[in-house]
């Protein structure tokens, strides 16, 4: 919490220096993230994710709608492949695993955190 927020002077806009944020490893090999926005009370988050070539996310359930915009590379699941400049969303309750052959950079929006089964 910064001093302005602590003093009750929160601003309407929060600007994020994305380049200045460090890439954080996830528990999944080859997948790193930058948390751009997170509301821990509701589970809402916006995450920039960088997947190395061959990275795979194991079987998981989208508790609420999940949205992904592919900035670079491609991201695949059993239903298809989403390539750079394209967008995919997944319904609440859907389950899948996801992977990338070439690597990718993804801007992801979550209403609730995923549930993993690994």
N, C-alpha and C. Protein backbone atom coordinates (compact mmCIF):
# COMPACT_ATOMS: atom_id res chain seq x y z
N UNK A 1 0.86 -1.17 0.00
CA UNK A 1 0.00 0.00 0.00
C UNK A 1 0.90 1.23 0.00
N UNK A 2 0.64 2.17 -0.89
CA UNK A 2 1.46 3.37 -0.91
C UNK A 2 0.91 4.41 0.07
N UNK A 3 1.65 5.49 0.26
CA UNK A 3 1.27 6.51 1.24
C UNK A 3 -0.05 7.18 0.89
N UNK A 4 -0.31 7.41 -0.43
CA UNK A 4 -1.57 8.05 -0.83
C UNK A 4 -2.76 7.19 -0.46
N UNK A 5 -2.66 5.88 -0.72
CA UNK A 5 -3.76 4.97 -0.39
C UNK A 5 -3.96 4.93 1.11
N UNK A 6 -2.87 4.85 1.86
CA UNK A 6 -2.96 4.79 3.31
C UNK A 6 -3.61 6.05 3.87
N UNK A 7 -3.38 7.19 3.21
CA UNK A 7 -3.95 8.45 3.69
C UNK A 7 -5.37 8.65 3.18
N UNK A 8 -5.91 7.69 2.44
CA UNK A 8 -7.27 7.81 1.93
C UNK A 8 -7.36 8.66 0.68
N UNK A 9 -6.25 8.89 0.00
CA UNK A 9 -6.23 9.73 -1.19
C UNK A 9 -6.05 8.91 -2.46
N UNK A 10 -6.64 7.74 -2.50
CA UNK A 10 -6.49 6.88 -3.66
C UNK A 10 -6.96 7.59 -4.92
N UNK A 11 -6.24 7.40 -5.98
CA UNK A 11 -6.58 8.02 -7.26
C UNK A 11 -7.53 7.12 -8.04
N UNK A 12 -8.17 7.69 -9.04
CA UNK A 12 -9.09 6.92 -9.87
C UNK A 12 -8.36 5.98 -10.82
N UNK A 13 -7.16 6.36 -11.23
CA UNK A 13 -6.38 5.56 -12.19
C UNK A 13 -5.11 5.06 -11.54
N UNK A 14 -4.80 3.81 -11.82
CA UNK A 14 -3.56 3.22 -11.33
C UNK A 14 -2.72 2.84 -12.55
N UNK A 15 -1.60 3.48 -12.72
CA UNK A 15 -0.72 3.22 -13.86
C UNK A 15 0.35 2.23 -13.45
N UNK A 16 0.59 1.25 -14.30
CA UNK A 16 1.56 0.20 -14.00
C UNK A 16 2.72 0.28 -14.99
N UNK A 17 3.93 0.33 -14.48
CA UNK A 17 5.13 0.27 -15.32
C UNK A 17 5.41 -1.21 -15.59
N UNK A 18 4.80 -1.74 -16.62
CA UNK A 18 4.87 -3.18 -16.90
C UNK A 18 6.31 -3.62 -17.14
N UNK A 19 7.08 -2.83 -17.88
CA UNK A 19 8.47 -3.19 -18.15
C UNK A 19 9.28 -3.26 -16.85
N UNK A 20 8.91 -2.44 -15.86
CA UNK A 20 9.62 -2.41 -14.59
C UNK A 20 9.25 -3.54 -13.63
N UNK A 21 8.15 -4.23 -13.90
CA UNK A 21 7.76 -5.37 -13.05
C UNK A 21 8.63 -6.57 -13.37
N UNK A 22 9.10 -7.29 -12.38
CA UNK A 22 9.89 -8.49 -12.66
C UNK A 22 9.00 -9.65 -13.11
N UNK A 23 9.53 -10.49 -13.96
CA UNK A 23 8.85 -11.74 -14.29
C UNK A 23 8.96 -12.66 -13.08
N UNK A 24 7.83 -13.21 -12.64
CA UNK A 24 7.81 -14.09 -11.48
C UNK A 24 7.57 -15.53 -11.96
N UNK A 25 8.36 -16.47 -11.46
CA UNK A 25 8.10 -17.86 -11.85
C UNK A 25 6.78 -18.34 -11.27
N UNK A 26 6.11 -19.21 -12.00
CA UNK A 26 4.92 -19.88 -11.46
C UNK A 26 5.37 -21.27 -11.02
N UNK A 27 4.48 -22.05 -10.50
CA UNK A 27 4.85 -23.42 -10.11
C UNK A 27 4.92 -24.35 -11.31
N UNK A 28 4.62 -23.81 -12.51
CA UNK A 28 4.62 -24.62 -13.72
C UNK A 28 5.87 -24.29 -14.54
N UNK A 29 6.71 -25.28 -14.82
CA UNK A 29 7.95 -25.04 -15.55
C UNK A 29 7.72 -24.31 -16.88
N UNK A 30 8.54 -23.27 -17.10
CA UNK A 30 8.48 -22.54 -18.36
C UNK A 30 7.40 -21.48 -18.44
N UNK A 31 6.67 -21.23 -17.34
CA UNK A 31 5.61 -20.22 -17.36
C UNK A 31 5.91 -19.19 -16.27
N UNK A 32 6.04 -17.93 -16.70
CA UNK A 32 6.29 -16.82 -15.81
C UNK A 32 5.14 -15.81 -15.93
N UNK A 33 5.02 -14.95 -14.92
CA UNK A 33 3.91 -13.99 -14.96
C UNK A 33 4.29 -12.65 -14.35
N UNK A 34 3.51 -11.65 -14.76
CA UNK A 34 3.53 -10.32 -14.15
C UNK A 34 2.09 -10.02 -13.76
N UNK A 35 1.84 -9.84 -12.48
CA UNK A 35 0.50 -9.52 -11.99
C UNK A 35 0.27 -8.03 -12.22
N UNK A 36 -0.66 -7.70 -13.10
CA UNK A 36 -0.94 -6.31 -13.43
C UNK A 36 -2.01 -5.72 -12.51
N UNK A 37 -2.97 -6.55 -12.12
CA UNK A 37 -4.03 -6.11 -11.22
C UNK A 37 -4.56 -7.34 -10.51
N UNK A 38 -4.82 -7.19 -9.22
CA UNK A 38 -5.37 -8.31 -8.45
C UNK A 38 -6.24 -7.77 -7.33
N UNK A 39 -7.41 -8.37 -7.21
CA UNK A 39 -8.30 -8.09 -6.09
C UNK A 39 -8.41 -9.40 -5.32
N UNK A 40 -7.64 -9.53 -4.26
CA UNK A 40 -7.60 -10.78 -3.50
C UNK A 40 -8.96 -11.14 -2.88
N UNK A 41 -9.77 -10.14 -2.61
CA UNK A 41 -11.08 -10.39 -1.99
C UNK A 41 -12.03 -11.10 -2.95
N UNK A 42 -11.94 -10.77 -4.24
CA UNK A 42 -12.87 -11.36 -5.21
C UNK A 42 -12.22 -12.41 -6.11
N UNK A 43 -10.89 -12.36 -6.24
CA UNK A 43 -10.19 -13.27 -7.15
C UNK A 43 -9.97 -12.70 -8.53
N UNK A 44 -10.49 -11.51 -8.79
CA UNK A 44 -10.32 -10.85 -10.08
C UNK A 44 -8.85 -10.52 -10.31
N UNK A 45 -8.34 -10.82 -11.51
CA UNK A 45 -6.95 -10.47 -11.80
C UNK A 45 -6.73 -10.31 -13.30
N UNK A 46 -5.70 -9.52 -13.61
CA UNK A 46 -5.20 -9.36 -14.97
C UNK A 46 -3.72 -9.72 -14.90
N UNK A 47 -3.30 -10.66 -15.76
CA UNK A 47 -1.95 -11.21 -15.66
C UNK A 47 -1.32 -11.26 -17.05
N UNK A 48 -0.08 -10.78 -17.14
CA UNK A 48 0.71 -10.97 -18.35
C UNK A 48 1.51 -12.25 -18.13
N UNK A 49 1.37 -13.20 -19.05
CA UNK A 49 2.04 -14.50 -18.89
C UNK A 49 2.98 -14.75 -20.06
N UNK A 50 4.18 -15.23 -19.73
CA UNK A 50 5.18 -15.57 -20.74
C UNK A 50 5.45 -17.07 -20.64
N UNK A 51 5.16 -17.76 -21.73
CA UNK A 51 5.34 -19.22 -21.80
C UNK A 51 6.53 -19.53 -22.69
N UNK A 52 7.44 -20.33 -22.20
CA UNK A 52 8.58 -20.78 -23.00
C UNK A 52 8.11 -21.83 -24.00
N UNK A 53 8.84 -22.01 -25.10
CA UNK A 53 8.47 -23.08 -26.04
C UNK A 53 8.35 -24.42 -25.32
N UNK A 54 7.27 -25.14 -25.60
CA UNK A 54 7.03 -26.44 -25.00
C UNK A 54 6.38 -26.42 -23.63
N UNK A 55 6.12 -25.23 -23.06
CA UNK A 55 5.50 -25.15 -21.72
C UNK A 55 4.07 -25.70 -21.77
N UNK A 56 3.66 -26.26 -20.65
CA UNK A 56 2.33 -26.87 -20.56
C UNK A 56 1.71 -26.55 -19.20
N UNK A 57 0.43 -26.20 -19.22
CA UNK A 57 -0.34 -25.98 -18.01
C UNK A 57 -1.21 -27.22 -17.82
N UNK A 58 -1.10 -27.91 -16.67
CA UNK A 58 -1.85 -29.15 -16.50
C UNK A 58 -3.35 -28.92 -16.38
N UNK A 59 -4.08 -30.01 -16.35
CA UNK A 59 -5.54 -30.01 -16.24
C UNK A 59 -5.99 -29.05 -15.14
N UNK A 60 -6.91 -28.16 -15.50
CA UNK A 60 -7.45 -27.20 -14.53
C UNK A 60 -8.86 -26.82 -14.93
N UNK A 61 -9.57 -26.25 -13.97
CA UNK A 61 -10.94 -25.81 -14.20
C UNK A 61 -11.01 -24.29 -14.07
N UNK A 62 -11.73 -23.68 -14.99
CA UNK A 62 -12.00 -22.25 -14.92
C UNK A 62 -13.26 -22.07 -14.07
N UNK A 63 -13.06 -21.59 -12.86
CA UNK A 63 -14.15 -21.43 -11.90
C UNK A 63 -15.14 -20.38 -12.42
N UNK A 64 -14.63 -19.38 -13.10
CA UNK A 64 -15.43 -18.34 -13.75
C UNK A 64 -14.84 -18.13 -15.14
N UNK A 65 -15.46 -17.30 -15.93
CA UNK A 65 -14.96 -17.04 -17.29
C UNK A 65 -13.50 -16.59 -17.23
N UNK A 66 -12.70 -17.14 -18.16
CA UNK A 66 -11.30 -16.75 -18.33
C UNK A 66 -11.15 -16.24 -19.74
N UNK A 67 -10.38 -15.16 -19.90
CA UNK A 67 -10.16 -14.55 -21.21
C UNK A 67 -8.66 -14.43 -21.47
N UNK A 68 -8.24 -14.72 -22.71
CA UNK A 68 -6.83 -14.61 -23.07
C UNK A 68 -6.68 -13.93 -24.43
N UNK A 69 -5.81 -12.93 -24.48
CA UNK A 69 -5.45 -12.28 -25.74
C UNK A 69 -3.99 -12.63 -25.99
N UNK A 70 -3.72 -13.24 -27.14
CA UNK A 70 -2.37 -13.70 -27.46
C UNK A 70 -1.61 -12.57 -28.14
N UNK A 71 -0.56 -12.09 -27.48
CA UNK A 71 0.25 -10.99 -28.01
C UNK A 71 1.34 -11.50 -28.95
N UNK A 72 1.93 -12.65 -28.61
CA UNK A 72 2.99 -13.26 -29.43
C UNK A 72 2.84 -14.76 -29.35
N UNK A 73 3.26 -15.46 -30.40
CA UNK A 73 3.27 -16.91 -30.40
C UNK A 73 1.87 -17.49 -30.53
N UNK A 74 1.68 -18.65 -29.90
CA UNK A 74 0.37 -19.31 -29.95
C UNK A 74 0.17 -20.16 -28.70
N UNK A 75 -1.10 -20.35 -28.36
CA UNK A 75 -1.51 -21.14 -27.20
C UNK A 75 -2.57 -22.12 -27.66
N UNK A 76 -2.42 -23.39 -27.25
CA UNK A 76 -3.32 -24.44 -27.74
C UNK A 76 -3.98 -25.19 -26.60
N UNK A 77 -5.14 -25.78 -26.91
CA UNK A 77 -5.79 -26.76 -26.06
C UNK A 77 -6.51 -27.73 -26.99
N UNK A 78 -7.27 -28.66 -26.43
CA UNK A 78 -7.90 -29.69 -27.26
C UNK A 78 -8.91 -29.13 -28.26
N UNK A 79 -9.37 -27.89 -28.04
CA UNK A 79 -10.35 -27.29 -28.93
C UNK A 79 -9.74 -26.51 -30.08
N UNK A 80 -8.45 -26.19 -30.00
CA UNK A 80 -7.84 -25.44 -31.10
C UNK A 80 -6.60 -24.69 -30.67
N UNK A 81 -6.16 -23.80 -31.55
CA UNK A 81 -4.95 -23.01 -31.34
C UNK A 81 -5.32 -21.54 -31.49
N UNK A 82 -4.90 -20.72 -30.54
CA UNK A 82 -5.11 -19.28 -30.61
C UNK A 82 -3.75 -18.65 -30.92
N UNK A 83 -3.70 -17.88 -32.01
CA UNK A 83 -2.44 -17.31 -32.48
C UNK A 83 -2.36 -15.82 -32.16
N UNK A 84 -1.16 -15.25 -32.36
CA UNK A 84 -0.91 -13.84 -32.06
C UNK A 84 -1.94 -12.94 -32.71
N UNK A 85 -2.45 -12.00 -31.93
CA UNK A 85 -3.45 -11.07 -32.41
C UNK A 85 -4.86 -11.58 -32.26
N UNK A 86 -5.03 -12.78 -31.72
CA UNK A 86 -6.36 -13.37 -31.55
C UNK A 86 -6.67 -13.57 -30.07
N UNK A 87 -7.92 -13.91 -29.82
CA UNK A 87 -8.49 -13.93 -28.46
C UNK A 87 -9.29 -15.20 -28.28
N UNK A 88 -9.23 -15.76 -27.08
CA UNK A 88 -10.04 -16.93 -26.73
C UNK A 88 -10.59 -16.72 -25.32
N UNK A 89 -11.84 -17.16 -25.10
CA UNK A 89 -12.38 -17.14 -23.74
C UNK A 89 -12.95 -18.51 -23.43
N UNK A 90 -12.96 -18.82 -22.16
CA UNK A 90 -13.42 -20.14 -21.71
C UNK A 90 -14.52 -19.97 -20.68
N UNK A 91 -15.53 -20.81 -20.82
CA UNK A 91 -16.71 -20.74 -19.96
C UNK A 91 -16.41 -21.17 -18.53
N UNK A 92 -17.17 -20.66 -17.60
CA UNK A 92 -17.08 -21.09 -16.21
C UNK A 92 -17.38 -22.58 -16.15
N UNK A 93 -16.56 -23.30 -15.40
CA UNK A 93 -16.74 -24.74 -15.26
C UNK A 93 -16.00 -25.56 -16.30
N UNK A 94 -15.42 -24.91 -17.31
CA UNK A 94 -14.69 -25.66 -18.34
C UNK A 94 -13.37 -26.18 -17.78
N UNK A 95 -12.97 -27.35 -18.27
CA UNK A 95 -11.71 -27.97 -17.85
C UNK A 95 -10.87 -28.29 -19.07
N UNK A 96 -9.58 -28.06 -18.94
CA UNK A 96 -8.67 -28.40 -20.03
C UNK A 96 -7.24 -28.31 -19.54
N UNK A 97 -6.30 -28.75 -20.37
CA UNK A 97 -4.91 -28.41 -20.19
C UNK A 97 -4.55 -27.54 -21.38
N UNK A 98 -3.47 -26.78 -21.29
CA UNK A 98 -3.07 -25.86 -22.34
C UNK A 98 -1.57 -25.98 -22.55
N UNK A 99 -1.12 -25.69 -23.77
CA UNK A 99 0.29 -25.81 -24.09
C UNK A 99 0.65 -24.85 -25.22
N UNK A 100 1.96 -24.69 -25.40
CA UNK A 100 2.48 -23.91 -26.51
C UNK A 100 3.67 -24.64 -27.09
N UNK A 101 3.70 -24.77 -28.39
CA UNK A 101 4.86 -25.38 -29.05
C UNK A 101 5.96 -24.35 -29.23
N UNK A 102 5.60 -23.14 -29.66
CA UNK A 102 6.59 -22.12 -30.01
C UNK A 102 6.86 -21.10 -28.91
N UNK A 103 6.08 -21.14 -27.83
CA UNK A 103 6.15 -20.12 -26.80
C UNK A 103 5.10 -19.06 -27.07
N UNK A 104 4.76 -18.27 -26.06
CA UNK A 104 3.75 -17.22 -26.26
C UNK A 104 3.82 -16.18 -25.15
N UNK A 105 3.23 -15.04 -25.47
CA UNK A 105 3.02 -13.96 -24.52
C UNK A 105 1.52 -13.71 -24.50
N UNK A 106 0.90 -13.83 -23.33
CA UNK A 106 -0.56 -13.82 -23.21
C UNK A 106 -0.99 -12.79 -22.17
N UNK A 107 -1.99 -12.00 -22.51
CA UNK A 107 -2.63 -11.13 -21.54
C UNK A 107 -3.90 -11.86 -21.11
N UNK A 108 -3.96 -12.26 -19.84
CA UNK A 108 -5.06 -13.09 -19.34
C UNK A 108 -5.87 -12.34 -18.29
N UNK A 109 -7.19 -12.56 -18.34
CA UNK A 109 -8.13 -11.94 -17.41
C UNK A 109 -8.90 -13.04 -16.69
N UNK A 110 -8.86 -13.02 -15.37
CA UNK A 110 -9.52 -14.03 -14.56
C UNK A 110 -10.52 -13.35 -13.63
N UNK A 111 -11.74 -13.91 -13.54
CA UNK A 111 -12.71 -13.43 -12.56
C UNK A 111 -12.52 -14.11 -11.22
N UNK A 112 -12.01 -15.36 -11.28
CA UNK A 112 -11.68 -16.16 -10.09
C UNK A 112 -10.44 -16.98 -10.44
N UNK A 113 -9.63 -17.35 -9.47
CA UNK A 113 -8.48 -18.21 -9.76
C UNK A 113 -8.91 -19.59 -10.27
N UNK A 114 -8.08 -20.17 -11.11
CA UNK A 114 -8.32 -21.54 -11.60
C UNK A 114 -8.15 -22.54 -10.47
N UNK A 115 -8.77 -23.71 -10.63
CA UNK A 115 -8.55 -24.84 -9.73
C UNK A 115 -7.74 -25.87 -10.51
N UNK A 116 -6.59 -26.30 -9.95
CA UNK A 116 -5.71 -27.25 -10.62
C UNK A 116 -5.87 -28.63 -10.03
N UNK A 117 -5.63 -29.65 -10.85
CA UNK A 117 -5.81 -31.04 -10.44
C UNK A 117 -4.52 -31.83 -10.51
N UNK A 118 -3.39 -31.16 -10.50
CA UNK A 118 -2.09 -31.86 -10.56
C UNK A 118 -1.63 -32.28 -9.19
